[in-house]
C-alpha atoms as a PDB file:
ATOM      1  CA  ARG A   1       0.000   0.000   0.000  1.00  0.00           C
ATOM      2  CA  ASP A   2       2.771   2.448   0.933  1.00  0.00           C
ATOM      3  CA  GLU A   3       4.701   1.643  -2.256  1.00  0.00           C
ATOM      4  CA  GLY A   4       1.559   2.238  -4.306  1.00  0.00           C
ATOM      5  CA  ARG A   5       0.993   5.519  -2.499  1.00  0.00           C
ATOM      6  CA  LYS A   6       4.567   6.639  -3.214  1.00  0.00           C
ATOM      7  CA  ALA A   7       4.137   5.760  -6.890  1.00  0.00           C
ATOM      8  CA  ALA A   8       0.843   7.640  -7.005  1.00  0.00           C
ATOM      9  CA  GLU A   9       2.451  10.658  -5.331  1.00  0.00           C
ATOM     10  CA  ASP A  10       5.297  10.572  -7.867  1.00  0.00           C
ATOM     11  CA  PHE A  11       2.708  10.407 -10.654  1.00  0.00           C
ATOM     12  CA  GLY A  12       0.852  13.345  -9.112  1.00  0.00           C
ATOM     13  CA  ARG A  13       4.035  15.410  -8.906  1.00  0.00           C
ATOM     14  CA  THR A  14       4.841  14.619 -12.538  1.00  0.00           C
ATOM     15  CA  CYS A  15       1.408  15.065 -14.105  1.00  0.00           C
ATOM     16  CA  GLY A  16      -0.469  17.163 -11.555  1.00  0.00           C
ATOM     17  CA  PRO A  17       1.111  20.551 -12.382  1.00  0.00           C
ATOM     18  CA  ASN A  18       0.519  19.931 -16.088  1.00  0.00           C
ATOM     19  CA  ILE A  19      -3.206  19.193 -15.862  1.00  0.00           C
ATOM     20  CA  GLY A  20      -4.100  21.051 -12.665  1.00  0.00           C
ATOM     21  CA  VAL A  21      -5.281  18.081 -10.597  1.00  0.00           C
ATOM     22  CA  ARG A  22      -2.622  18.288  -7.874  1.00  0.00           C
ATOM     23  CA  SER A  23      -5.051  19.839  -5.388  1.00  0.00           C
ATOM     24  CA  THR A  24      -7.873  17.399  -6.153  1.00  0.00           C
ATOM     25  CA  PHE A  25      -5.663  14.368  -6.725  1.00  0.00           C
ATOM     26  CA  ASP A  26      -7.147  11.638  -4.524  1.00  0.00           C
ATOM     27  CA  ILE A  27      -4.453   8.977  -4.202  1.00  0.00           C
ATOM     28  CA  ASP A  28      -6.725   6.528  -2.378  1.00  0.00           C
ATOM     29  CA  ASP A  29      -9.297   6.721  -5.174  1.00  0.00           C
ATOM     30  CA  LEU A  30      -6.537   6.145  -7.719  1.00  0.00           C
ATOM     31  CA  LEU A  31      -5.324   3.054  -5.876  1.00  0.00           C
ATOM     32  CA  GLU A  32      -8.889   1.736  -5.621  1.00  0.00           C
ATOM     33  CA  GLY A  33      -9.056   1.772  -9.420  1.00  0.00           C
ATOM     34  CA  VAL A  34      -5.891  -0.322  -9.796  1.00  0.00           C
END
């Protein structure tokens, strides 16, 4: 779970600023979809 969260956070840092979802990026929801 922690590794998945770290990966999701890295993804958020990479893509978030580009598409403006950083503030609404719900990591738990993302992991639920995996």
